[in-house]
């Protein structure tokens, strides 16, 4: 009889613990919704931080481009007039491309993650093309 009472008591304690520790399905759904909302907020913050970081890095690169153009312009100031005119025209094109890149970066409005990724890829491609064009301009100068 003592074993029977002990067994019933232990079974009751275990059952009580299980029943009180289990959440209702409504509570589980509510917790899941809260987790989804928090995850979306975290993702949005990560995207915003990514955009800010990208803008900052790109603005630095654009400023470096402006400095490189100014340095190149000073370097060709001592060249013959024919060379200077040729390089000035090319520098004007590069300055315009750099200005356009800066404007595109400033005008971009934060939208969806997919559109941001697309913008970033295109912008990086254009930045690389600018760098390559400037490098080629400088290498022609050395020949």
Protein backbone atom coordinates (compact mmCIF):
# COMPACT_ATOMS: atom_id res chain seq x y z
CA UNK A 1 0.00 0.00 0.00
CA UNK A 2 2.86 2.31 0.82
CA UNK A 3 4.41 1.62 -2.61
CA UNK A 4 1.11 2.30 -4.27
CA UNK A 5 0.72 5.70 -2.52
CA UNK A 6 4.33 6.64 -3.35
CA UNK A 7 3.86 5.65 -6.98
CA UNK A 8 0.62 7.67 -7.24
CA UNK A 9 2.29 10.67 -5.57
CA UNK A 10 5.28 10.55 -7.92
CA UNK A 11 3.04 10.10 -10.94
CA UNK A 12 0.92 13.06 -9.80
CA UNK A 13 3.97 15.26 -9.33
CA UNK A 14 5.33 14.32 -12.76
CA UNK A 15 1.96 14.87 -14.42
CA UNK A 16 1.53 18.20 -12.66
CA UNK A 17 4.98 19.34 -13.71
CA UNK A 18 4.36 18.34 -17.31
CA UNK A 19 0.96 20.06 -17.44
CA UNK A 20 2.18 23.29 -15.88
CA UNK A 21 5.34 23.47 -17.98
CA UNK A 22 3.50 22.98 -21.28
CA UNK A 23 2.35 26.12 -23.00
CA UNK A 24 -0.96 26.33 -24.71
CA UNK A 25 -0.88 26.36 -28.49
CA UNK A 26 -2.18 29.93 -28.43
CA UNK A 27 0.75 31.00 -26.28
CA UNK A 28 3.18 29.21 -28.60
CA UNK A 29 1.68 30.98 -31.63
CA UNK A 30 1.88 34.33 -29.85
CA UNK A 31 5.53 33.73 -28.94
CA UNK A 32 6.32 32.70 -32.50
CA UNK A 33 4.70 35.88 -33.86
CA UNK A 34 6.74 37.98 -31.44
CA UNK A 35 9.90 36.20 -32.54
CA UNK A 36 9.09 36.84 -36.20
CA UNK A 37 8.46 40.53 -35.54
CA UNK A 38 11.75 40.82 -33.63
CA UNK A 39 13.60 38.99 -36.40
CA UNK A 40 12.16 41.34 -39.04
CA UNK A 41 13.16 44.37 -36.98
CA UNK A 42 16.67 42.95 -36.58
CA UNK A 43 16.91 42.31 -40.32
CA UNK A 44 15.70 45.82 -41.12
CA UNK A 45 18.32 47.27 -38.78
CA UNK A 46 21.04 45.14 -40.36
CA UNK A 47 19.98 46.35 -43.82
CA UNK A 48 20.00 49.98 -42.67
CA UNK A 49 23.43 49.54 -41.10
CA UNK A 50 24.66 47.91 -44.31
CA UNK A 51 23.36 50.82 -46.38
CA UNK A 52 25.01 53.37 -44.09
CA UNK A 53 28.31 51.50 -44.21
CA UNK A 54 28.15 51.15 -48.01
CA UNK A 55 27.33 54.85 -48.45
CA UNK A 56 30.23 55.84 -46.21
CA UNK A 57 32.72 53.59 -47.99
CA UNK A 58 31.50 54.75 -51.40
CA UNK A 59 31.67 58.42 -50.42
CA UNK A 60 35.29 57.87 -49.38
CA UNK A 61 36.07 56.25 -52.73
CA UNK A 62 34.39 59.09 -54.61
CA UNK A 63 36.45 61.63 -52.62
CA UNK A 64 39.59 59.66 -53.48
CA UNK A 65 38.59 59.79 -57.16
CA UNK A 66 38.20 63.57 -56.92
CA UNK A 67 41.65 63.86 -55.36
CA UNK A 68 43.18 61.61 -58.02
CA UNK A 69 41.64 63.73 -60.77
CA UNK A 70 42.96 66.92 -59.16
CA UNK A 71 46.44 65.38 -58.78
CA UNK A 72 46.44 64.22 -62.40
CA UNK A 73 45.30 67.65 -63.54
CA UNK A 74 48.24 69.24 -61.68
CA UNK A 75 50.62 66.70 -63.19
CA UNK A 76 49.54 67.42 -66.77
CA UNK A 77 49.68 71.19 -66.26
CA UNK A 78 53.37 70.99 -67.15
CA UNK A 79 52.79 68.97 -70.34
CA UNK A 80 52.64 70.32 -73.87
CA UNK A 81 49.44 72.09 -74.79
CA UNK A 82 48.33 69.32 -77.17
CA UNK A 83 48.69 66.66 -74.47
CA UNK A 84 47.02 68.89 -71.91
CA UNK A 85 43.97 69.48 -74.09
CA UNK A 86 43.61 65.76 -74.79
CA UNK A 87 43.84 64.85 -71.11
CA UNK A 88 41.61 67.71 -69.98
CA UNK A 89 38.79 66.35 -72.15
CA UNK A 90 39.21 62.88 -70.71
CA UNK A 91 39.41 64.28 -67.18
CA UNK A 92 36.20 66.21 -67.75
CA UNK A 93 34.48 62.95 -68.72
CA UNK A 94 35.83 61.22 -65.64
CA UNK A 95 34.77 64.11 -63.41
CA UNK A 96 31.26 63.89 -64.83
CA UNK A 97 31.13 60.13 -64.22
CA UNK A 98 32.34 60.67 -60.66
CA UNK A 99 29.70 63.36 -60.11
CA UNK A 100 27.03 61.05 -61.51
CA UNK A 101 28.13 58.27 -59.15
CA UNK A 102 27.96 60.65 -56.21
CA UNK A 103 24.48 61.81 -57.24
CA UNK A 104 23.24 58.24 -57.68
CA UNK A 105 24.49 57.34 -54.23
CA UNK A 106 22.91 60.42 -52.65
CA UNK A 107 19.58 59.97 -54.47
CA UNK A 108 19.12 56.29 -53.66
CA UNK A 109 16.08 55.73 -51.46
CA UNK A 110 16.05 52.71 -49.19
CA UNK A 111 13.69 50.13 -50.59
CA UNK A 112 13.54 46.36 -50.47
CA UNK A 113 16.54 44.14 -49.78
CA UNK A 114 16.44 42.83 -53.35
CA UNK A 115 16.47 46.33 -54.87
CA UNK A 116 19.27 47.37 -52.51
CA UNK A 117 21.39 44.38 -53.57
CA UNK A 118 20.74 45.19 -57.21
CA UNK A 119 21.69 48.84 -56.71
CA UNK A 120 24.84 47.89 -54.80
CA UNK A 121 26.01 45.47 -57.50
CA UNK A 122 25.41 48.00 -60.28
CA UNK A 123 27.03 50.82 -58.33
CA UNK A 124 30.12 48.74 -57.53
CA UNK A 125 30.39 47.78 -61.19
CA UNK A 126 30.30 51.45 -62.20
CA UNK A 127 32.85 52.36 -59.51
CA UNK A 128 35.18 49.64 -60.79
CA UNK A 129 34.72 50.87 -64.37
CA UNK A 130 35.63 54.39 -63.26
CA UNK A 131 38.75 53.13 -61.52
CA UNK A 132 39.75 51.15 -64.58
CA UNK A 133 39.18 54.15 -66.89
CA UNK A 134 41.30 56.37 -64.66
CA UNK A 135 44.03 53.74 -64.42
CA UNK A 136 44.08 53.45 -68.21
CA UNK A 137 44.30 57.21 -68.55
CA UNK A 138 47.33 57.25 -66.26
CA UNK A 139 49.02 54.33 -67.99
CA UNK A 140 48.69 56.01 -71.40
CA UNK A 141 50.37 59.03 -69.89
CA UNK A 142 53.44 56.97 -68.96
CA UNK A 143 53.88 55.43 -72.42
